[in-house]
Amino acid sequence: WLSGDEKLKEMMATGDVYANIYKAIKGTADRIAGKNLFLPVIYGESPESLSREWEISYEDALYHVRSLEQLFPAAFRWVGQKCENGEAEDHFGRRRKFEENENWKVRNFYVQSPASLFCLEKLIRLHAVLSGVARVACHVHDGYIVAAKKDTWREAFRLSVDALEGPSDWCPGLRLTVGCQAGRKLNEMSVLRKVTKG
């Protein structure tokens, strides 16, 4: 959404984005491998580092990096924006200073800074819609834990999904698909809704 990369949008709209990315490069859909490849490279991991991390040849690592850059030119241009006088500005106009050799931190800032505000917007909306039905027990970035009673959990589930998947006031046009789980213990949760997008 932030980069405006049409190919990335297309892959997000047609299933799991990470599985689609890996399939475009390697021919088979593998969500974990796609995520482990795409995220480090988009944040600036070099072919040398990728070669060591994946225990593959430098040539293969270079192929992976170049394949991603060719698949998503707009995304790589956007995330690769340079700082002016050591300062970067995010989508919402927030500025941050960086050292000269901190390119990966700049890339991370362009993505994570607006993402944190988007998650905050969703937290505020979730808190408001659940009033009198359930409560937000805690959250970590884009993960929200809602506490509901036996007789209100279905309503809390519906309200939560509507709030989290609904349109954003701060990022018009950005919509997400969420996955939900329920249970009495965090380590014994059952899936209520399967995630279909990354």
Protein backbone atom coordinates (compact mmCIF):
# COMPACT_ATOMS: atom_id res chain seq x y z
CA TRP A 1 0.00 0.00 0.00
CA LEU A 2 2.77 2.44 0.90
CA SER A 3 4.97 1.65 -2.11
CA GLY A 4 2.16 1.48 -4.66
CA ASP A 5 3.82 -1.59 -6.22
CA GLU A 6 1.16 -3.14 -8.48
CA LYS A 7 2.75 -6.61 -8.64
CA LEU A 8 2.95 -6.76 -4.84
CA LYS A 9 -0.72 -5.69 -4.60
CA GLU A 10 -1.68 -8.38 -7.11
CA MET A 11 0.14 -11.07 -5.14
CA MET A 12 -1.53 -9.94 -1.92
CA ALA A 13 -4.97 -10.03 -3.55
CA THR A 14 -4.57 -13.58 -4.91
CA GLY A 15 -3.65 -15.56 -1.80
CA ASP A 16 -0.78 -15.63 0.66
CA VAL A 17 1.70 -12.99 -0.48
CA TYR A 18 4.80 -14.81 0.78
CA ALA A 19 3.80 -18.12 -0.84
CA ASN A 20 3.12 -16.23 -4.09
CA ILE A 21 6.51 -14.49 -3.95
CA TYR A 22 8.37 -17.76 -3.46
CA LYS A 23 6.38 -19.41 -6.24
CA ALA A 24 7.23 -16.57 -8.64
CA ILE A 25 10.94 -17.08 -7.99
CA LYS A 26 11.28 -20.82 -7.33
CA GLY A 27 8.15 -22.34 -8.92
CA THR A 28 6.66 -23.77 -5.71
CA ALA A 29 4.54 -22.02 -3.09
CA ASP A 30 6.26 -21.91 0.32
CA ARG A 31 5.03 -19.28 2.75
CA ILE A 32 7.82 -19.61 5.32
CA ALA A 33 10.62 -19.60 2.75
CA GLY A 34 8.99 -16.68 0.91
CA LYS A 35 8.74 -14.63 4.09
CA ASN A 36 12.29 -15.53 5.16
CA LEU A 37 13.53 -14.41 1.75
CA PHE A 38 11.44 -11.32 1.03
CA LEU A 39 11.59 -9.49 4.37
CA PRO A 40 15.39 -9.53 4.86
CA VAL A 41 16.01 -8.56 1.22
CA ILE A 42 13.44 -5.74 1.17
CA TYR A 43 15.12 -4.39 4.31
CA GLY A 44 18.50 -4.46 2.57
CA GLU A 45 20.15 -7.83 3.17
CA SER A 46 23.03 -8.25 0.73
CA PRO A 47 23.63 -11.30 -1.49
CA GLU A 48 26.71 -12.07 0.63
CA SER A 49 24.69 -12.14 3.82
CA LEU A 50 21.83 -14.08 2.19
CA SER A 51 24.36 -16.64 0.92
CA ARG A 52 25.64 -17.23 4.45
CA GLU A 53 22.16 -17.21 6.02
CA TRP A 54 20.63 -19.68 3.56
CA GLU A 55 23.87 -21.68 3.05
CA ILE A 56 23.67 -21.24 -0.71
CA SER A 57 26.18 -20.01 -3.27
CA TYR A 58 26.73 -16.30 -3.79
CA GLU A 59 25.40 -16.68 -7.36
CA ASP A 60 22.14 -18.23 -6.12
CA ALA A 61 21.76 -15.51 -3.47
CA LEU A 62 22.38 -12.82 -6.07
CA TYR A 63 19.74 -14.44 -8.30
CA HIS A 64 17.20 -14.29 -5.45
CA VAL A 65 17.93 -10.63 -4.69
CA ARG A 66 17.80 -9.58 -8.34
CA SER A 67 14.62 -11.61 -8.91
CA LEU A 68 12.89 -9.77 -6.06
CA GLU A 69 14.11 -6.38 -7.34
CA GLN A 70 12.77 -7.20 -10.83
CA LEU A 71 9.43 -8.48 -9.50
CA PHE A 72 8.83 -5.43 -7.29
CA PRO A 73 10.67 -2.43 -8.74
CA ALA A 74 8.31 0.15 -7.20
CA ALA A 75 8.57 -1.41 -3.73
CA PHE A 76 12.38 -1.47 -3.87
CA ARG A 77 12.52 2.13 -5.15
CA TRP A 78 10.20 3.27 -2.37
CA VAL A 79 11.95 1.48 0.48
CA GLY A 80 15.35 2.49 -0.91
CA GLN A 81 14.69 6.23 -0.63
CA LYS A 82 17.75 8.09 0.57
CA CYS A 83 17.96 10.28 3.62
CA GLU A 84 18.41 14.00 3.18
CA ASN A 85 21.07 15.34 5.54
CA GLY A 86 20.83 12.11 7.53
CA GLU A 87 17.09 12.50 8.09
CA ALA A 88 14.20 10.38 6.79
CA GLU A 89 10.50 11.20 6.78
CA ASP A 90 7.75 8.58 6.98
CA HIS A 91 4.32 8.54 5.31
CA PHE A 92 2.83 10.63 8.13
CA GLY A 93 5.60 13.24 8.12
CA ARG A 94 7.43 11.96 11.19
CA ARG A 95 11.18 12.51 10.90
CA ARG A 96 14.12 10.58 12.29
CA LYS A 97 17.90 11.00 12.09
CA PHE A 98 20.19 8.17 10.96
CA GLU A 99 23.93 7.61 10.76
CA GLU A 100 25.47 7.40 7.31
CA ASN A 101 25.88 3.60 7.34
CA GLU A 102 22.39 2.75 8.64
CA ASN A 103 20.57 2.12 5.34
CA TRP A 104 18.77 -0.96 6.70
CA LYS A 105 17.44 1.12 9.61
CA VAL A 106 16.14 3.73 7.15
CA ARG A 107 14.34 1.03 5.14
CA ASN A 108 12.85 -0.37 8.33
CA PHE A 109 11.71 3.12 9.39
CA TYR A 110 9.85 3.72 6.12
CA VAL A 111 7.79 0.54 6.72
CA GLN A 112 7.55 0.13 10.49
CA SER A 113 6.92 3.75 11.47
CA PRO A 114 3.63 4.09 9.53
CA ALA A 115 2.74 0.46 10.34
CA SER A 116 2.91 1.26 14.05
CA LEU A 117 0.46 4.15 13.63
CA PHE A 118 -1.86 1.98 11.56
CA CYS A 119 -1.82 -0.67 14.33
CA LEU A 120 -2.51 2.07 16.90
CA GLU A 121 -5.51 3.25 14.86
CA LYS A 122 -6.86 -0.32 14.84
CA LEU A 123 -6.26 -0.67 18.59
CA ILE A 124 -8.25 2.50 19.26
CA ARG A 125 -11.10 1.29 17.03
CA LEU A 126 -11.06 -2.17 18.62
CA HIS A 127 -11.22 -0.69 22.10
CA ALA A 128 -14.19 1.50 21.11
CA VAL A 129 -16.30 -1.21 19.43
CA LEU A 130 -15.79 -3.73 22.22
CA SER A 131 -17.04 -1.41 24.95
CA GLY A 132 -19.58 -3.31 27.06
CA VAL A 133 -18.96 -6.59 25.19
CA ALA A 134 -15.32 -7.49 25.87
CA ARG A 135 -12.01 -5.76 26.53
CA VAL A 136 -8.61 -5.56 24.89
CA ALA A 137 -6.35 -7.40 27.33
CA CYS A 138 -3.08 -6.55 25.53
CA HIS A 139 -1.50 -6.10 22.14
CA VAL A 140 1.88 -6.50 20.47
CA HIS A 141 2.15 -4.46 17.25
CA ASP A 142 -0.49 -6.12 15.02
CA GLY A 143 -1.53 -8.84 17.46
CA TYR A 144 -4.46 -8.12 19.78
CA ILE A 145 -5.68 -10.26 22.68
CA VAL A 146 -9.33 -9.76 23.56
CA ALA A 147 -10.88 -11.06 26.78
CA ALA A 148 -14.56 -11.97 26.47
CA LYS A 149 -17.07 -13.92 28.53
CA LYS A 150 -18.69 -17.15 27.43
CA ASP A 151 -21.91 -15.41 26.43
CA THR A 152 -20.24 -12.51 24.54
CA TRP A 153 -17.28 -14.09 22.74
CA ARG A 154 -19.12 -14.57 19.42
CA GLU A 155 -20.17 -10.91 19.38
CA ALA A 156 -16.64 -9.88 20.39
CA PHE A 157 -15.26 -11.98 17.52
CA ARG A 158 -17.59 -10.37 14.97
CA LEU A 159 -16.95 -6.84 16.22
CA SER A 160 -13.18 -7.41 16.33
CA VAL A 161 -12.98 -8.75 12.77
CA ASP A 162 -15.15 -5.88 11.48
CA ALA A 163 -12.99 -3.30 13.26
CA LEU A 164 -9.66 -4.76 12.18
CA GLU A 165 -10.65 -5.49 8.58
CA GLY A 166 -12.64 -2.28 8.11
CA PRO A 167 -11.40 0.75 6.21
CA SER A 168 -8.69 2.91 7.71
CA ASP A 169 -9.21 6.64 8.27
CA TRP A 170 -5.44 7.24 8.39
CA CYS A 171 -4.52 5.05 5.39
CA PRO A 172 -7.43 5.24 2.92
CA GLY A 173 -7.61 2.16 0.72
CA LEU A 174 -5.52 -0.04 3.03
CA ARG A 175 -7.47 -3.10 4.16
CA LEU A 176 -6.21 -6.19 5.92
CA THR A 177 -7.40 -9.74 6.41
CA VAL A 178 -7.02 -11.05 9.94
CA GLY A 179 -6.71 -14.48 11.48
CA CYS A 180 -8.44 -15.20 14.81
CA GLN A 181 -8.04 -17.83 17.47
CA ALA A 182 -10.02 -18.52 20.65
CA GLY A 183 -9.47 -20.49 23.80
CA ARG A 184 -9.08 -20.38 27.54
CA LYS A 185 -5.27 -20.66 27.39
CA LEU A 186 -2.93 -18.82 25.02
CA ASN A 187 -1.04 -22.02 24.24
CA GLU A 188 -4.23 -23.97 23.49
CA MET A 189 -6.08 -21.77 20.98
CA SER A 190 -8.35 -22.94 18.15
CA VAL A 191 -8.43 -21.15 14.80
CA LEU A 192 -11.70 -19.30 14.22
CA ARG A 193 -10.83 -17.85 10.87
CA LYS A 194 -8.06 -18.85 8.53
CA VAL A 195 -5.59 -16.18 7.35
CA THR A 196 -5.63 -15.94 3.55
CA LYS A 197 -3.27 -13.01 3.06
CA GLY A 198 0.16 -12.05 4.43
